[in-house]
């Protein structure tokens, strides 16, 4: 078993020093990335697309470890500030998510708890609002792998494949065991990535153990009966989503709360309350931040001479360039002109501190 043989007993700390000294650790089986720029949040994952917005005011330092274990993928993620992440699984895979004991936030409006388990099939977006200190472990695999494993264990009747997005209540002991296992695996992979590239027996053993722990957690799940408060929070999440979709469909327009209310089908008081409950800020403040992130994406992707700061600012509804530059610097720690002048690699490896 080599380096992996004792990973169950490994102290549960992600190798911070390695990530701070090298922005990215990557071998065929392992990718470890420290995310300091929200606009490159889906780098290194491959099987998931993710749109990340930083909602906190401190410098972003999110981490993700992607461990490819034969026909499955384990993804460990953490963030140091409040963020909104909209994720979507790419075709042909299933995803199962468990959360760390101190994880706080919401998924599609439901409060995240240690005994909560998310199951999702590909092609359907899920929205997370994660508080500082959030940690999660995601298992990604094909339906065929689950069927094959169950058949070898003579457990065909126990298959629970998700349809769309499903949230379960699970036995907290089993979800904690799966989370701890996944976090330890990520820690081992970060220190010894070569184990997951050239030791076939180790990889097969790890995958079998991962599947067994996942199935043990799934065997003890129940479909939750939502309380009136939970249904209300879900409705608030839908209100925010509709308003956000409207804002993105009209990028150059000024914000008018009445238009957002029409798009979301609610009164102004409900709109304001929904954004405060879900995102922790007003509709205008949140959607302004969303547009700032879109400008940054465009500036980072631009080739030399292909665009200007003012052109991108206008295309996203920023008409007062002085206010725009100040808001941009408050959010990202640098002026938009600095972003445009620098290459993406420089932005990722050398971000400025506020």
Foldseek 3Di string as FASTA:
>chain_A
DPLCPCLLVDDLDAPPVVCLVPQWDDDPFKIKHWFQAQLCVCPPAVFKDKRKFFLDQFGKTKIWMWGHQPQKIKIKIAIQAKMKMKMFGAPQKKKKKAWDQPKFWDKLQATHHRQKMKIAHGDAIIMTTTGGGTMMMMMMGGPVVLCVLCVVVVNNVLDDHDDHMAMWGWDSVLSNSLGSLSSSVRRSCNVCVVCSVPPNVVSVVSVSVNSVSVSVGSSGIDGDDDDPVSVLSSLLSQLLVQLLVVCVVQQQDDDDLVVSCVSSVHDSVSQQVSCCVRVVHGSVVVSLSVLLSVLLSPLQPDDPPPDDSVVSCNSRHNDDVVVSQVVNCSRFVDGSVVSNVDHNVCCRSPGHGD
